Amino acid sequence: MIRLLFSLVKLFCKIILITLTVVAVLALIAGLTFAVHKIEYSMNEDAWNNGICDCGGKFRFVNASSVKGAGTSYTYYFYSCNDCGNVIKMDFAMRGLN
């Protein structure tokens, strides 16, 4: 009887340990995904510079391109400077800012 109880407790502990490991790995993946998203957005904001090009001209939307593959789809947004023609590619649409 005690051996059976001991083996059940041991099995229960293994299940709890495996469950906690899976949850920790999923939380780590979610955290890394969020961090990458924040870095990409920050880089886009820096390039966007409130819609002002390095030359002092204003960016305007010129095109969007969609790339599909391996079950995912990405859309890139292209903005061009009115003065110098500099083109930037953004991962996010900068709506209402120009």
N, C-alpha and C. Protein backbone atom coordinates (compact mmCIF):
# COMPACT_ATOMS: atom_id res chain seq x y z
N MET A 1 0.82 -1.20 0.00
CA MET A 1 0.00 0.00 0.00
C MET A 1 0.86 1.27 0.00
N ILE A 2 1.91 1.26 0.83
CA ILE A 2 2.78 2.42 0.91
C ILE A 2 3.57 2.58 -0.39
N ARG A 3 4.00 1.48 -1.00
CA ARG A 3 4.71 1.54 -2.27
C ARG A 3 3.82 2.14 -3.37
N LEU A 4 2.57 1.73 -3.38
CA LEU A 4 1.62 2.26 -4.37
C LEU A 4 1.44 3.76 -4.16
N LEU A 5 1.29 4.18 -2.94
CA LEU A 5 1.13 5.60 -2.62
C LEU A 5 2.38 6.38 -3.02
N PHE A 6 3.56 5.81 -2.70
CA PHE A 6 4.82 6.45 -3.06
C PHE A 6 4.96 6.59 -4.57
N SER A 7 4.61 5.57 -5.33
CA SER A 7 4.72 5.63 -6.80
C SER A 7 3.72 6.64 -7.38
N LEU A 8 2.54 6.74 -6.79
CA LEU A 8 1.56 7.73 -7.26
C LEU A 8 2.05 9.16 -7.00
N VAL A 9 2.63 9.37 -5.83
CA VAL A 9 3.16 10.69 -5.50
C VAL A 9 4.32 11.04 -6.45
N LYS A 10 5.18 10.06 -6.71
CA LYS A 10 6.30 10.25 -7.62
C LYS A 10 5.80 10.60 -9.03
N LEU A 11 4.79 9.89 -9.51
CA LEU A 11 4.21 10.16 -10.83
C LEU A 11 3.58 11.55 -10.86
N PHE A 12 2.88 11.92 -9.79
CA PHE A 12 2.26 13.23 -9.71
C PHE A 12 3.32 14.33 -9.76
N CYS A 13 4.43 14.14 -9.05
CA CYS A 13 5.52 15.12 -9.06
C CYS A 13 6.13 15.25 -10.45
N LYS A 14 6.29 14.15 -11.17
CA LYS A 14 6.82 14.20 -12.53
C LYS A 14 5.89 14.98 -13.44
N ILE A 15 4.59 14.75 -13.32
CA ILE A 15 3.61 15.46 -14.15
C ILE A 15 3.66 16.95 -13.85
N ILE A 16 3.74 17.31 -12.58
CA ILE A 16 3.81 18.73 -12.20
C ILE A 16 5.08 19.35 -12.76
N LEU A 17 6.21 18.66 -12.66
CA LEU A 17 7.48 19.18 -13.14
C LEU A 17 7.46 19.38 -14.66
N ILE A 18 6.91 18.43 -15.38
CA ILE A 18 6.81 18.54 -16.84
C ILE A 18 5.89 19.71 -17.22
N THR A 19 4.78 19.84 -16.52
CA THR A 19 3.84 20.93 -16.79
C THR A 19 4.50 22.28 -16.55
N LEU A 20 5.21 22.42 -15.45
CA LEU A 20 5.89 23.69 -15.14
C LEU A 20 6.97 24.00 -16.17
N THR A 21 7.67 22.98 -16.64
CA THR A 21 8.70 23.18 -17.66
C THR A 21 8.08 23.67 -18.96
N VAL A 22 6.98 23.07 -19.37
CA VAL A 22 6.30 23.48 -20.61
C VAL A 22 5.79 24.91 -20.48
N VAL A 23 5.21 25.25 -19.35
CA VAL A 23 4.70 26.61 -19.14
C VAL A 23 5.86 27.61 -19.16
N ALA A 24 6.99 27.26 -18.54
CA ALA A 24 8.15 28.16 -18.54
C ALA A 24 8.69 28.38 -19.95
N VAL A 25 8.76 27.33 -20.75
CA VAL A 25 9.25 27.46 -22.12
C VAL A 25 8.30 28.32 -22.95
N LEU A 26 6.99 28.11 -22.81
CA LEU A 26 6.02 28.92 -23.54
C LEU A 26 6.08 30.39 -23.12
N ALA A 27 6.27 30.64 -21.83
CA ALA A 27 6.40 32.02 -21.36
C ALA A 27 7.66 32.67 -21.92
N LEU A 28 8.75 31.92 -22.00
CA LEU A 28 9.98 32.44 -22.56
C LEU A 28 9.81 32.79 -24.04
N ILE A 29 9.15 31.92 -24.79
CA ILE A 29 8.89 32.17 -26.21
C ILE A 29 8.02 33.41 -26.38
N ALA A 30 6.98 33.54 -25.57
CA ALA A 30 6.10 34.71 -25.65
C ALA A 30 6.87 35.98 -25.31
N GLY A 31 7.72 35.93 -24.31
CA GLY A 31 8.52 37.09 -23.93
C GLY A 31 9.49 37.51 -25.03
N LEU A 32 10.13 36.54 -25.65
CA LEU A 32 11.06 36.85 -26.74
C LEU A 32 10.32 37.43 -27.94
N THR A 33 9.15 36.89 -28.25
CA THR A 33 8.35 37.42 -29.36
C THR A 33 7.95 38.86 -29.09
N PHE A 34 7.53 39.15 -27.87
CA PHE A 34 7.15 40.51 -27.51
C PHE A 34 8.35 41.46 -27.61
N ALA A 35 9.52 41.00 -27.14
CA ALA A 35 10.72 41.83 -27.19
C ALA A 35 11.11 42.15 -28.63
N VAL A 36 11.06 41.16 -29.50
CA VAL A 36 11.40 41.38 -30.91
C VAL A 36 10.43 42.37 -31.54
N HIS A 37 9.14 42.23 -31.23
CA HIS A 37 8.13 43.15 -31.76
C HIS A 37 8.42 44.58 -31.30
N LYS A 38 8.75 44.75 -30.02
CA LYS A 38 9.05 46.09 -29.50
C LYS A 38 10.29 46.68 -30.17
N ILE A 39 11.32 45.86 -30.42
CA ILE A 39 12.54 46.34 -31.06
C ILE A 39 12.24 46.77 -32.49
N GLU A 40 11.46 45.95 -33.22
CA GLU A 40 11.11 46.30 -34.60
C GLU A 40 10.33 47.61 -34.64
N TYR A 41 9.37 47.75 -33.73
CA TYR A 41 8.57 48.97 -33.72
C TYR A 41 9.43 50.18 -33.39
N SER A 42 10.35 50.02 -32.45
CA SER A 42 11.24 51.12 -32.09
C SER A 42 12.13 51.51 -33.27
N MET A 43 12.63 50.53 -34.01
CA MET A 43 13.46 50.82 -35.18
C MET A 43 12.64 51.54 -36.25
N ASN A 44 11.38 51.14 -36.42
CA ASN A 44 10.52 51.82 -37.38
C ASN A 44 10.26 53.26 -36.97
N GLU A 45 10.03 53.48 -35.68
CA GLU A 45 9.80 54.84 -35.20
C GLU A 45 11.02 55.71 -35.42
N ASP A 46 12.22 55.15 -35.18
CA ASP A 46 13.45 55.91 -35.39
C ASP A 46 13.61 56.28 -36.86
N ALA A 47 13.36 55.34 -37.76
CA ALA A 47 13.47 55.62 -39.20
C ALA A 47 12.40 56.63 -39.63
N TRP A 48 11.22 56.51 -39.05
CA TRP A 48 10.11 57.38 -39.42
C TRP A 48 10.39 58.82 -39.00
N ASN A 49 10.92 59.02 -37.79
CA ASN A 49 11.30 60.35 -37.31
C ASN A 49 10.16 61.36 -37.45
N ASN A 50 8.97 60.97 -37.05
CA ASN A 50 7.78 61.82 -37.12
C ASN A 50 7.47 62.29 -38.54
N GLY A 51 7.86 61.47 -39.53
CA GLY A 51 7.56 61.80 -40.92
C GLY A 51 8.51 62.78 -41.55
N ILE A 52 9.63 63.07 -40.88
CA ILE A 52 10.61 64.03 -41.39
C ILE A 52 11.87 63.28 -41.81
N CYS A 53 12.30 63.48 -43.04
CA CYS A 53 13.52 62.87 -43.57
C CYS A 53 14.75 63.59 -43.01
N ASP A 54 15.92 62.96 -43.14
CA ASP A 54 17.16 63.59 -42.69
C ASP A 54 17.44 64.91 -43.41
N CYS A 55 16.96 65.02 -44.65
CA CYS A 55 17.19 66.25 -45.41
C CYS A 55 16.22 67.37 -45.02
N GLY A 56 15.22 67.04 -44.21
CA GLY A 56 14.23 68.04 -43.79
C GLY A 56 12.91 67.93 -44.52
N GLY A 57 12.86 67.12 -45.59
CA GLY A 57 11.61 66.92 -46.32
C GLY A 57 10.66 65.99 -45.57
N LYS A 58 9.45 65.89 -46.07
CA LYS A 58 8.45 65.04 -45.43
C LYS A 58 8.28 63.73 -46.18
N PHE A 59 8.10 62.64 -45.41
CA PHE A 59 7.82 61.35 -46.01
C PHE A 59 6.36 61.27 -46.41
N ARG A 60 6.10 60.58 -47.53
CA ARG A 60 4.73 60.32 -47.94
C ARG A 60 4.64 58.85 -48.33
N PHE A 61 3.48 58.28 -48.12
CA PHE A 61 3.26 56.87 -48.46
C PHE A 61 3.30 56.70 -49.97
N VAL A 62 4.03 55.67 -50.45
CA VAL A 62 4.10 55.44 -51.88
C VAL A 62 3.62 54.06 -52.29
N ASN A 63 3.80 53.04 -51.43
CA ASN A 63 3.43 51.69 -51.85
C ASN A 63 3.41 50.75 -50.65
N ALA A 64 2.72 49.63 -50.84
CA ALA A 64 2.74 48.54 -49.87
C ALA A 64 2.96 47.25 -50.62
N SER A 65 3.70 46.35 -50.01
CA SER A 65 4.01 45.09 -50.65
C SER A 65 3.74 43.96 -49.67
N SER A 66 3.06 42.92 -50.13
CA SER A 66 2.75 41.77 -49.29
C SER A 66 3.59 40.58 -49.72
N VAL A 67 4.22 39.94 -48.76
CA VAL A 67 5.06 38.77 -49.02
C VAL A 67 4.44 37.59 -48.30
N LYS A 68 4.19 36.52 -49.04
CA LYS A 68 3.58 35.33 -48.45
C LYS A 68 4.53 34.16 -48.59
N GLY A 69 4.51 33.31 -47.56
CA GLY A 69 5.33 32.11 -47.62
C GLY A 69 5.30 31.35 -46.32
N ALA A 70 5.36 30.05 -46.42
CA ALA A 70 5.43 29.15 -45.25
C ALA A 70 4.33 29.43 -44.23
N GLY A 71 3.14 29.70 -44.70
CA GLY A 71 2.00 29.90 -43.81
C GLY A 71 1.95 31.26 -43.14
N THR A 72 2.85 32.17 -43.49
CA THR A 72 2.82 33.50 -42.90
C THR A 72 2.73 34.55 -44.01
N SER A 73 2.35 35.73 -43.62
CA SER A 73 2.24 36.82 -44.57
C SER A 73 2.76 38.09 -43.91
N TYR A 74 3.60 38.83 -44.63
CA TYR A 74 4.14 40.09 -44.13
C TYR A 74 3.76 41.19 -45.10
N THR A 75 3.48 42.35 -44.56
CA THR A 75 3.22 43.51 -45.40
C THR A 75 4.24 44.58 -45.04
N TYR A 76 4.89 45.10 -46.06
CA TYR A 76 5.86 46.17 -45.89
C TYR A 76 5.27 47.45 -46.49
N TYR A 77 5.54 48.56 -45.84
CA TYR A 77 5.03 49.85 -46.28
C TYR A 77 6.21 50.73 -46.67
N PHE A 78 6.11 51.36 -47.83
CA PHE A 78 7.19 52.17 -48.35
C PHE A 78 6.79 53.64 -48.34
N TYR A 79 7.69 54.46 -47.82
CA TYR A 79 7.49 55.90 -47.76
C TYR A 79 8.66 56.56 -48.46
N SER A 80 8.38 57.65 -49.17
CA SER A 80 9.41 58.37 -49.92
C SER A 80 9.43 59.82 -49.48
N CYS A 81 10.63 60.38 -49.45
CA CYS A 81 10.79 61.80 -49.10
C CYS A 81 10.41 62.65 -50.31
N ASN A 82 9.64 63.69 -50.08
CA ASN A 82 9.23 64.59 -51.16
C ASN A 82 10.41 65.36 -51.75
N ASP A 83 11.43 65.64 -50.93
CA ASP A 83 12.53 66.48 -51.39
C ASP A 83 13.67 65.68 -52.04
N CYS A 84 14.21 64.70 -51.32
CA CYS A 84 15.40 64.01 -51.81
C CYS A 84 15.12 62.65 -52.44
N GLY A 85 13.91 62.11 -52.28
CA GLY A 85 13.57 60.82 -52.87
C GLY A 85 14.00 59.63 -52.04
N ASN A 86 14.52 59.85 -50.84
CA ASN A 86 14.91 58.76 -49.96
C ASN A 86 13.70 57.88 -49.66
N VAL A 87 13.88 56.55 -49.77
CA VAL A 87 12.78 55.61 -49.54
C VAL A 87 13.09 54.78 -48.31
N ILE A 88 12.10 54.67 -47.41
CA ILE A 88 12.25 53.81 -46.24
C ILE A 88 11.19 52.72 -46.30
N LYS A 89 11.56 51.53 -45.82
CA LYS A 89 10.64 50.40 -45.77
C LYS A 89 10.27 50.18 -44.31
N MET A 90 8.99 50.17 -44.04
CA MET A 90 8.50 50.02 -42.67
C MET A 90 7.75 48.71 -42.52
N ASP A 91 7.84 48.12 -41.32
CA ASP A 91 7.09 46.91 -41.03
C ASP A 91 5.66 47.22 -40.61
N PHE A 92 5.41 48.46 -40.22
CA PHE A 92 4.09 48.87 -39.76
C PHE A 92 3.67 50.11 -40.52
N ALA A 93 2.37 50.25 -40.75
CA ALA A 93 1.85 51.45 -41.41
C ALA A 93 1.87 52.59 -40.41
N MET A 94 2.41 53.70 -40.81
CA MET A 94 2.45 54.87 -39.95
C MET A 94 1.22 55.70 -40.27
N ARG A 95 0.10 55.31 -39.73
CA ARG A 95 -1.19 55.92 -40.07
C ARG A 95 -1.38 57.24 -39.36
N GLY A 96 -1.95 58.14 -40.11
CA GLY A 96 -2.33 59.42 -39.54
C GLY A 96 -1.16 60.31 -39.15
N LEU A 97 0.04 59.92 -39.54
CA LEU A 97 1.20 60.70 -39.15
C LEU A 97 1.74 61.55 -40.28
N ASN A 98 1.24 61.35 -41.51
CA ASN A 98 1.76 62.19 -42.59
C ASN A 98 0.62 62.82 -43.35
